[in-house]
Amino acid sequence: MKIYSVGGAVRDELLGLAVKDRDYVVVGSTVQAMLDAGYKPVGKDFPVFLHPKTHEEYALARTERKTGAGYKGFTVHASPEVTLEEDLARRDFTINAMARSADGILTGLLIDPHNGRLDIKAKILRHVSEAFAEDPVRILRAARFAARFADFNVAPETMALMRQMVAAGEVDALVPERVWQELSKGLMEHAPSRMFEVLRDCGALQKILPELDRLWGVPQPPQHHPEIDTGIHVMMVIDYAAKLNFSLPVRFAALMHDLGKGTTPADILPRHIGHEIRSVDLLKEVAKRLRVPNDCKELAVIVAKFHGKLHQVIQMKPQTLLQFLIDLDAIRQPERFKDFLKVCECDSRGRAGLESCALPEVDLMLKLLKAATSIDAGAIAKTLTEPDAIKQAIFEARLQAVKQALNFSS
């Protein structure tokens, strides 16, 4: 039995990055031998085990053979006769197809049959073999790695192969859960716009997220959007969210906030009258299709519906401001409301030359939320019996608090 550290851990060490998880390949062993040694089986599709003490993953060396459509259409073969080189040959990118003997970290012998180390130096994402084309998930992974390693470029031959895969319909076999898994991971990388750049370049975005893909080339009023192109604006917005290390729901809402602009009638461009409601309808379709988690979907809905209205709050009267807070459900869900404001901040600053623009609307709305929640609604409710009267009394008390916060005297 021989054990090797493989994949991402080796890659990240060579890149000088911190290693979060280690994966190991075991050559020359069997399932029974691993069980006898105290390893616990966890793999469903192929033999993977957890170390009895460290709980790190150890997989038997294996090969794969394509037997059907999609990323699940494989037959896996694991046996003591499978070599490390055969196992590495089935991996996606050369930078992930390296191994070290497990007797040392960094100092262990580097096994690099596909020149991954050279591609790291050249900052290239290159597929290991033509077997890459057998698994459409690898298109998503290429895009995600481009978002993680923003200074890496996809090799021309790899991009050509990805385009062939899209044309052959391989992407159509992806299941929603796996698409969302990869997209959500990519959104949380340092430069999420790079993921969508790669997906657009190979044609996969049009298949996976046509609602987003159609935004490129759609003009916007230059007085509000110096970058003009809607697709470019959305990419600037999600990169700004990444820059501030915002959460996944915030980044997803930022990605979805302007979908309706892709369906604006040509005769009214570059204006986008009514795009907010169209955005809501489109993102609900996306969320249903990709089975997006509720926290991401719900924030995206209120952002799509109300983000334009935030820019009007400076001119609003106190009653309208309070009603806006109620429409946003800010009083009951203050944390989600704060996330809403974060997305709006990204939307305002994700514009060419406006990255440092002031956004007084955010501070104003936070101030008004604090005022509106300062009243004792429970005490008011105890003084009345009729539900409508209670509701009105609480509204009036909150309105007075908002007026006081605004120094409103009329």
Protein backbone atom coordinates (compact mmCIF):
# COMPACT_ATOMS: atom_id res chain seq x y z
CA MET A 1 0.00 0.00 0.00
CA LYS A 2 1.32 3.45 -0.98
CA ILE A 3 -0.33 6.73 -0.03
CA TYR A 4 -0.08 10.05 -1.86
CA SER A 5 -1.36 13.56 -1.20
CA VAL A 6 -3.13 14.66 -4.39
CA GLY A 7 -5.03 17.42 -6.11
CA GLY A 8 -5.83 20.78 -4.59
CA ALA A 9 -3.55 20.48 -1.57
CA VAL A 10 -0.50 19.96 -3.78
CA ARG A 11 -1.59 22.76 -6.11
CA ASP A 12 -2.16 25.25 -3.29
CA GLU A 13 1.18 24.45 -1.67
CA LEU A 14 2.92 25.24 -4.95
CA LEU A 15 0.92 28.47 -5.18
CA GLY A 16 1.92 29.41 -1.65
CA LEU A 17 -1.68 29.26 -0.44
CA ALA A 18 -2.99 27.87 2.83
CA VAL A 19 -4.21 24.28 2.50
CA LYS A 20 -7.68 23.77 3.97
CA ASP A 21 -8.26 20.11 3.20
CA ARG A 22 -6.09 17.24 2.10
CA ASP A 23 -7.14 14.36 -0.10
CA TYR A 24 -5.16 11.17 -0.47
CA VAL A 25 -4.97 8.41 -3.05
CA VAL A 26 -4.14 4.89 -1.92
CA VAL A 27 -2.39 2.69 -4.45
CA GLY A 28 -2.16 -1.10 -4.12
CA SER A 29 -4.96 -1.60 -1.62
CA THR A 30 -8.48 -3.02 -1.50
CA VAL A 31 -11.73 -2.11 0.20
CA GLN A 32 -11.29 -4.91 2.70
CA ALA A 33 -7.74 -3.89 3.52
CA MET A 34 -8.92 -0.34 4.23
CA LEU A 35 -11.71 -1.60 6.47
CA ASP A 36 -9.32 -3.89 8.30
CA ALA A 37 -7.05 -0.89 8.94
CA GLY A 38 -9.90 0.98 10.61
CA TYR A 39 -10.87 3.34 7.78
CA LYS A 40 -14.57 4.24 7.57
CA PRO A 41 -16.26 4.04 4.13
CA VAL A 42 -18.10 7.17 2.93
CA GLY A 43 -18.03 6.97 -0.88
CA LYS A 44 -21.24 6.10 -2.69
CA ASP A 45 -20.01 6.10 -6.27
CA PHE A 46 -16.42 4.95 -5.67
CA PRO A 47 -14.32 3.73 -2.73
CA VAL A 48 -13.57 6.67 -0.40
CA PHE A 49 -12.70 6.32 3.28
CA LEU A 50 -12.14 8.52 6.31
CA HIS A 51 -8.95 8.08 8.29
CA PRO A 52 -9.79 6.65 11.75
CA LYS A 53 -7.94 9.50 13.54
CA THR A 54 -7.59 12.52 11.24
CA HIS A 55 -10.90 11.97 9.37
CA GLU A 56 -9.23 13.09 6.14
CA GLU A 57 -10.38 11.46 2.90
CA TYR A 58 -8.50 8.52 1.38
CA ALA A 59 -9.65 7.18 -2.00
CA LEU A 60 -8.53 4.01 -3.69
CA ALA A 61 -6.74 4.68 -6.98
CA ARG A 62 -9.31 4.34 -9.74
CA THR A 63 -10.06 4.74 -13.42
CA GLU A 64 -13.32 5.80 -15.04
CA ARG A 65 -15.05 4.81 -18.25
CA LYS A 66 -17.82 6.83 -19.91
CA THR A 67 -21.01 4.77 -20.22
CA GLY A 68 -23.80 7.35 -20.56
CA ALA A 69 -24.77 11.00 -20.85
CA GLY A 70 -23.97 13.61 -18.24
CA TYR A 71 -21.63 13.64 -15.31
CA LYS A 72 -23.10 10.49 -13.73
CA GLY A 73 -22.64 8.32 -16.80
CA PHE A 74 -19.43 6.63 -15.63
CA THR A 75 -18.29 3.20 -14.57
CA VAL A 76 -15.59 3.35 -11.90
CA HIS A 77 -12.89 0.73 -11.59
CA ALA A 78 -10.79 0.57 -8.42
CA SER A 79 -8.31 -2.22 -7.79
CA PRO A 80 -4.76 -2.75 -6.45
CA GLU A 81 -3.52 -2.82 -10.05
CA VAL A 82 -4.54 0.80 -10.81
CA THR A 83 -1.44 3.00 -10.78
CA LEU A 84 -1.10 6.53 -9.45
CA GLU A 85 -0.45 7.78 -12.99
CA GLU A 86 -3.68 6.17 -14.20
CA ASP A 87 -5.58 7.82 -11.35
CA LEU A 88 -4.08 11.25 -12.09
CA ALA A 89 -4.87 10.91 -15.79
CA ARG A 90 -8.64 10.99 -15.10
CA ARG A 91 -8.48 14.37 -13.35
CA ASP A 92 -9.72 17.64 -14.82
CA PHE A 93 -6.84 20.11 -14.99
CA THR A 94 -3.08 19.69 -15.02
CA ILE A 95 -2.76 21.85 -11.92
CA ASN A 96 -5.00 19.35 -10.10
CA ALA A 97 -3.25 16.25 -11.47
CA MET A 98 -0.18 16.31 -9.25
CA ALA A 99 0.71 14.22 -6.22
CA ARG A 100 3.27 14.05 -3.46
CA SER A 101 4.39 11.01 -1.55
CA ALA A 102 2.67 11.30 1.81
CA ASP A 103 5.88 11.01 3.83
CA GLY A 104 6.26 14.77 3.76
CA ILE A 105 4.55 18.06 3.01
CA LEU A 106 6.27 20.22 0.37
CA THR A 107 9.37 18.04 0.68
CA GLY A 108 7.70 14.83 -0.47
CA LEU A 109 8.52 13.67 -3.99
CA LEU A 110 6.40 15.58 -6.54
CA ILE A 111 4.72 13.38 -9.15
CA ASP A 112 3.69 15.60 -12.06
CA PRO A 113 3.09 13.57 -15.23
CA HIS A 114 1.08 16.32 -16.96
CA ASN A 115 3.32 19.34 -16.25
CA GLY A 116 0.93 20.96 -13.81
CA ARG A 117 3.77 22.82 -12.15
CA LEU A 118 4.67 24.51 -15.43
CA ASP A 119 1.04 25.50 -15.97
CA ILE A 120 0.95 27.03 -12.48
CA LYS A 121 3.98 29.15 -13.38
CA ALA A 122 2.36 30.12 -16.69
CA LYS A 123 -1.02 30.71 -14.96
CA ILE A 124 -2.93 28.41 -17.29
CA LEU A 125 -5.97 26.20 -16.74
CA ARG A 126 -5.41 23.26 -19.12
CA HIS A 127 -7.31 19.98 -19.34
CA VAL A 128 -5.39 16.77 -18.69
CA SER A 129 -6.80 14.68 -21.53
CA GLU A 130 -9.67 14.39 -24.00
CA ALA A 131 -11.56 12.55 -21.24
CA PHE A 132 -12.31 16.06 -19.93
CA ALA A 133 -15.12 16.20 -22.50
CA GLU A 134 -16.92 13.28 -20.86
CA ASP A 135 -17.97 15.29 -17.78
CA PRO A 136 -19.90 18.56 -18.28
CA VAL A 137 -19.36 19.54 -14.63
CA ARG A 138 -15.79 20.28 -15.65
CA ILE A 139 -16.99 23.28 -17.63
CA LEU A 140 -18.45 24.68 -14.43
CA ARG A 141 -15.26 23.84 -12.55
CA ALA A 142 -13.14 25.60 -15.16
CA ALA A 143 -15.26 28.71 -14.71
CA ARG A 144 -15.09 28.45 -10.92
CA PHE A 145 -11.32 28.05 -10.93
CA ALA A 146 -11.09 31.12 -13.18
CA ALA A 147 -12.97 33.04 -10.48
CA ARG A 148 -10.67 31.70 -7.77
CA PHE A 149 -7.42 32.21 -9.66
CA ALA A 150 -8.33 35.43 -11.42
CA ASP A 151 -4.91 35.83 -13.04
CA PHE A 152 -5.13 32.39 -14.72
CA ASN A 153 -6.39 31.99 -18.27
CA VAL A 154 -8.13 28.99 -19.80
CA ALA A 155 -5.85 27.36 -22.38
CA PRO A 156 -7.11 27.91 -25.96
CA GLU A 157 -7.35 24.16 -26.59
CA THR A 158 -9.35 23.72 -23.37
CA MET A 159 -11.74 26.51 -24.31
CA ALA A 160 -12.16 24.94 -27.76
CA LEU A 161 -12.99 21.61 -26.15
CA MET A 162 -15.51 23.26 -23.82
CA ARG A 163 -17.23 24.88 -26.79
CA GLN A 164 -17.45 21.50 -28.49
CA MET A 165 -19.01 20.04 -25.33
CA VAL A 166 -21.65 22.78 -25.25
CA ALA A 167 -22.41 22.27 -28.94
CA ALA A 168 -22.75 18.52 -28.35
CA GLY A 169 -25.39 19.10 -25.67
CA GLU A 170 -23.33 17.82 -22.74
CA VAL A 171 -24.32 20.82 -20.60
CA ASP A 172 -27.99 19.93 -21.06
CA ALA A 173 -27.42 16.79 -18.97
CA LEU A 174 -26.40 18.73 -15.85
CA VAL A 175 -28.79 18.40 -12.92
CA PRO A 176 -29.95 21.62 -11.17
CA GLU A 177 -28.38 20.78 -7.82
CA ARG A 178 -24.91 20.42 -9.33
CA VAL A 179 -25.24 23.62 -11.35
CA TRP A 180 -26.24 25.55 -8.24
CA GLN A 181 -23.45 23.95 -6.22
CA GLU A 182 -20.80 25.11 -8.66
CA LEU A 183 -22.34 28.53 -9.29
CA SER A 184 -22.69 29.25 -5.58
CA LYS A 185 -19.06 28.29 -4.98
CA GLY A 186 -17.96 30.48 -7.86
CA LEU A 187 -19.96 33.42 -6.53
CA MET A 188 -18.01 33.15 -3.29
CA GLU A 189 -14.62 33.34 -5.00
CA HIS A 190 -12.44 36.48 -5.19
CA ALA A 191 -13.48 37.50 -8.72
CA PRO A 192 -16.90 35.95 -9.48
CA SER A 193 -17.22 37.86 -12.76
CA ARG A 194 -14.47 35.66 -14.19
CA MET A 195 -16.72 32.63 -13.79
CA PHE A 196 -19.39 34.16 -15.99
CA GLU A 197 -16.81 35.42 -18.45
CA VAL A 198 -15.62 31.86 -19.02
CA LEU A 199 -19.16 30.47 -19.18
CA ARG A 200 -20.09 33.09 -21.78
CA ASP A 201 -16.94 32.47 -23.79
CA CYS A 202 -17.69 28.77 -24.22
CA GLY A 203 -21.45 29.26 -24.71
CA ALA A 204 -22.49 27.48 -21.51
CA LEU A 205 -24.07 30.54 -19.85
CA GLN A 206 -26.73 30.73 -22.55
CA LYS A 207 -27.70 27.15 -21.65
CA ILE A 208 -27.45 27.45 -17.86
CA LEU A 209 -28.63 31.02 -17.24
CA PRO A 210 -30.10 32.49 -20.45
CA GLU A 211 -31.81 35.19 -18.37
CA LEU A 212 -28.38 36.48 -17.35
CA ASP A 213 -26.65 35.83 -20.67
CA ARG A 214 -29.00 38.14 -22.57
CA LEU A 215 -27.96 41.18 -20.49
CA TRP A 216 -24.71 41.70 -22.41
CA GLY A 217 -25.16 44.26 -25.14
CA VAL A 218 -28.28 45.76 -23.50
CA PRO A 219 -27.71 49.55 -23.14
CA GLN A 220 -28.55 51.68 -20.11
CA PRO A 221 -28.84 55.47 -19.68
CA PRO A 222 -25.24 56.76 -19.63
CA GLN A 223 -26.07 59.47 -17.07
CA HIS A 224 -26.76 56.73 -14.51
CA HIS A 225 -24.55 53.96 -15.89
CA PRO A 226 -21.29 55.21 -17.42
CA GLU A 227 -20.41 51.59 -18.24
CA ILE A 228 -23.64 51.51 -20.37
CA ASP A 229 -23.70 47.72 -20.94
CA THR A 230 -26.03 45.95 -18.49
CA GLY A 231 -24.02 42.73 -18.42
CA ILE A 232 -20.82 44.61 -17.59
CA HIS A 233 -22.67 46.49 -14.83
CA VAL A 234 -23.90 43.28 -13.21
CA MET A 235 -20.38 41.85 -13.26
CA MET A 236 -19.05 45.01 -11.59
CA VAL A 237 -21.77 44.69 -8.94
CA ILE A 238 -20.93 41.09 -8.00
CA ASP A 239 -17.20 41.83 -7.95
CA TYR A 240 -17.87 44.73 -5.59
CA ALA A 241 -19.85 42.37 -3.34
CA ALA A 242 -16.89 40.00 -3.38
CA LYS A 243 -14.50 42.85 -2.59
CA LEU A 244 -16.47 43.55 0.59
CA ASN A 245 -16.68 39.82 1.38
CA PHE A 246 -20.46 39.83 1.46
CA SER A 247 -22.49 36.64 1.97
CA LEU A 248 -23.82 34.28 -0.70
CA PRO A 249 -27.42 35.63 -0.50
CA VAL A 250 -26.08 39.16 -1.08
CA ARG A 251 -23.95 38.06 -4.03
CA PHE A 252 -26.79 36.04 -5.59
CA ALA A 253 -29.21 38.96 -5.22
CA ALA A 254 -26.59 41.22 -6.83
CA LEU A 255 -26.34 38.79 -9.74
CA MET A 256 -30.10 38.68 -10.26
CA HIS A 257 -31.12 42.28 -9.59
CA ASP A 258 -31.37 43.50 -13.20
CA LEU A 259 -32.59 40.43 -15.12
CA GLY A 260 -35.65 42.31 -16.36
CA LYS A 261 -33.50 44.68 -18.40
CA GLY A 262 -32.82 41.82 -20.78
CA THR A 263 -36.48 41.84 -21.82
CA THR A 264 -36.97 45.60 -22.20
CA PRO A 265 -38.71 46.42 -25.50
CA ALA A 266 -36.18 47.77 -27.99
CA ASP A 267 -38.24 50.89 -28.75
CA ILE A 268 -37.84 52.32 -25.22
CA LEU A 269 -34.10 51.60 -24.74
CA PRO A 270 -31.92 52.76 -23.08
CA ARG A 271 -34.66 53.33 -20.50
CA HIS A 272 -35.93 50.26 -18.66
CA ILE A 273 -39.46 51.09 -17.54
CA GLY A 274 -40.94 48.32 -15.37
CA HIS A 275 -37.80 46.19 -15.35
CA GLU A 276 -38.10 45.56 -11.59
CA ILE A 277 -41.25 43.45 -11.87
CA ARG A 278 -39.86 41.62 -14.88
CA SER A 279 -36.72 40.91 -12.86
CA VAL A 280 -38.77 39.39 -10.05
CA ASP A 281 -40.60 37.06 -12.42
CA LEU A 282 -37.39 35.96 -14.14
CA LEU A 283 -35.41 35.34 -10.99
CA LYS A 284 -38.26 33.27 -9.55
CA GLU A 285 -37.99 31.07 -12.65
CA VAL A 286 -34.22 30.79 -12.13
CA ALA A 287 -34.62 29.98 -8.45
CA LYS A 288 -37.17 27.27 -9.20
CA ARG A 289 -35.12 25.75 -12.02
CA LEU A 290 -31.85 25.65 -10.07
CA ARG A 291 -33.51 24.93 -6.70
CA VAL A 292 -31.91 27.95 -5.10
CA PRO A 293 -32.10 28.03 -1.27
CA ASN A 294 -34.86 30.18 0.20
CA ASP A 295 -32.57 32.70 1.90
CA CYS A 296 -30.94 33.51 -1.44
CA LYS A 297 -34.22 33.60 -3.33
CA GLU A 298 -36.11 35.75 -0.82
CA LEU A 299 -33.41 38.40 -0.62
CA ALA A 300 -33.10 38.43 -4.41
CA VAL A 301 -36.85 39.02 -4.76
CA ILE A 302 -36.96 42.11 -2.55
CA VAL A 303 -33.79 43.48 -4.14
CA ALA A 304 -35.14 43.04 -7.66
CA LYS A 305 -38.46 44.60 -6.70
CA PHE A 306 -37.28 47.53 -4.60
CA HIS A 307 -33.62 48.40 -5.37
CA GLY A 308 -34.59 51.25 -7.69
CA LYS A 309 -36.88 52.75 -5.08
CA LEU A 310 -34.03 53.20 -2.60
CA HIS A 311 -32.63 56.01 -4.74
CA GLN A 312 -35.87 57.95 -4.20
CA VAL A 313 -35.96 57.90 -0.37
CA ILE A 314 -34.31 61.32 0.09
CA GLN A 315 -37.39 62.93 -1.50
CA MET A 316 -39.97 60.73 0.29
CA LYS A 317 -42.34 61.95 2.97
CA PRO A 318 -42.25 60.28 6.43
CA GLN A 319 -45.35 58.15 5.84
CA THR A 320 -44.00 56.90 2.52
CA LEU A 321 -40.65 56.07 4.15
CA LEU A 322 -42.33 54.09 6.91
CA GLN A 323 -44.47 52.23 4.40
CA PHE A 324 -41.29 51.42 2.43
CA LEU A 325 -39.80 49.86 5.56
CA ILE A 326 -42.98 47.83 6.03
CA ASP A 327 -43.02 46.71 2.38
CA LEU A 328 -39.42 45.51 2.82
CA ASP A 329 -40.47 43.70 6.03
CA ALA A 330 -37.54 45.49 7.63
CA ILE A 331 -39.11 45.67 11.09
CA ARG A 332 -39.65 41.92 11.33
CA GLN A 333 -36.50 40.92 9.42
CA PRO A 334 -33.88 43.59 10.13
CA GLU A 335 -30.90 41.42 9.14
CA ARG A 336 -32.38 40.69 5.72
CA PHE A 337 -33.09 44.41 5.36
CA LYS A 338 -29.43 45.17 6.06
CA ASP A 339 -28.50 42.66 3.36
CA PHE A 340 -30.89 44.46 1.02
CA LEU A 341 -28.99 47.68 1.68
CA LYS A 342 -25.68 45.91 1.03
CA VAL A 343 -26.87 44.82 -2.41
CA CYS A 344 -28.08 48.35 -3.14
CA GLU A 345 -24.66 49.66 -2.13
CA CYS A 346 -23.04 47.23 -4.57
CA ASP A 347 -25.49 48.27 -7.29
CA SER A 348 -24.65 51.95 -6.82
CA ARG A 349 -20.90 51.46 -6.66
CA GLY A 350 -20.70 48.78 -9.34
CA ARG A 351 -20.57 51.43 -12.04
CA ALA A 352 -17.66 52.83 -14.02
CA GLY A 353 -16.02 55.65 -12.06
CA LEU A 354 -18.57 55.52 -9.23
CA GLU A 355 -16.92 52.92 -7.02
CA SER A 356 -16.42 55.45 -4.22
CA CYS A 357 -19.69 57.34 -4.58
CA ALA A 358 -21.53 58.37 -1.41
CA LEU A 359 -24.76 56.55 -0.63
CA PRO A 360 -26.60 58.59 2.07
CA GLU A 361 -29.78 56.59 1.45
CA VAL A 362 -28.31 53.61 3.30
CA ASP A 363 -27.53 55.58 6.46
CA LEU A 364 -30.92 57.24 6.31
CA MET A 365 -32.83 53.95 6.09
CA LEU A 366 -30.84 52.41 8.94
CA LYS A 367 -31.59 55.47 11.06
CA LEU A 368 -35.30 55.23 10.29
CA LEU A 369 -35.39 51.50 11.01
CA LYS A 370 -33.89 52.17 14.42
CA ALA A 371 -36.54 54.81 15.06
CA ALA A 372 -39.41 52.63 13.88
CA THR A 373 -38.35 49.72 16.08
CA SER A 374 -37.83 51.89 19.14
CA ILE A 375 -41.52 52.07 20.01
CA ASP A 376 -43.04 49.47 22.32
CA ALA A 377 -45.57 47.75 20.06
CA GLY A 378 -46.50 45.27 22.78
CA ALA A 379 -47.46 47.99 25.23
CA ILE A 380 -49.60 49.69 22.60
CA ALA A 381 -51.36 46.43 21.77
CA LYS A 382 -52.36 45.95 25.43
CA THR A 383 -54.34 49.20 25.42
CA LEU A 384 -56.62 48.20 22.55
CA THR A 385 -58.75 45.22 21.56
CA GLU A 386 -59.58 45.55 17.88
CA PRO A 387 -56.83 44.21 15.54
CA ASP A 388 -57.28 47.05 13.05
CA ALA A 389 -57.08 49.63 15.81
CA ILE A 390 -53.93 48.03 17.21
CA LYS A 391 -52.32 48.00 13.77
CA GLN A 392 -53.19 51.64 13.14
CA ALA A 393 -51.99 52.77 16.58
CA ILE A 394 -48.65 51.03 16.14
CA PHE A 395 -48.29 52.58 12.68
CA GLU A 396 -49.00 56.06 14.05
CA ALA A 397 -46.48 55.58 16.87
CA ARG A 398 -43.83 54.45 14.42
CA LEU A 399 -44.66 57.33 12.12
CA GLN A 400 -44.10 59.80 14.95
CA ALA A 401 -40.77 58.15 15.71
CA VAL A 402 -39.76 58.42 12.05
CA LYS A 403 -40.78 62.08 11.92
CA GLN A 404 -38.78 62.78 15.04
CA ALA A 405 -35.71 61.07 13.51
CA LEU A 406 -36.14 63.23 10.41
CA ASN A 407 -36.74 66.39 12.46
CA PHE A 408 -39.95 66.64 10.47
CA SER A 409 -42.18 69.49 11.64
CA SER A 410 -45.16 69.72 9.33
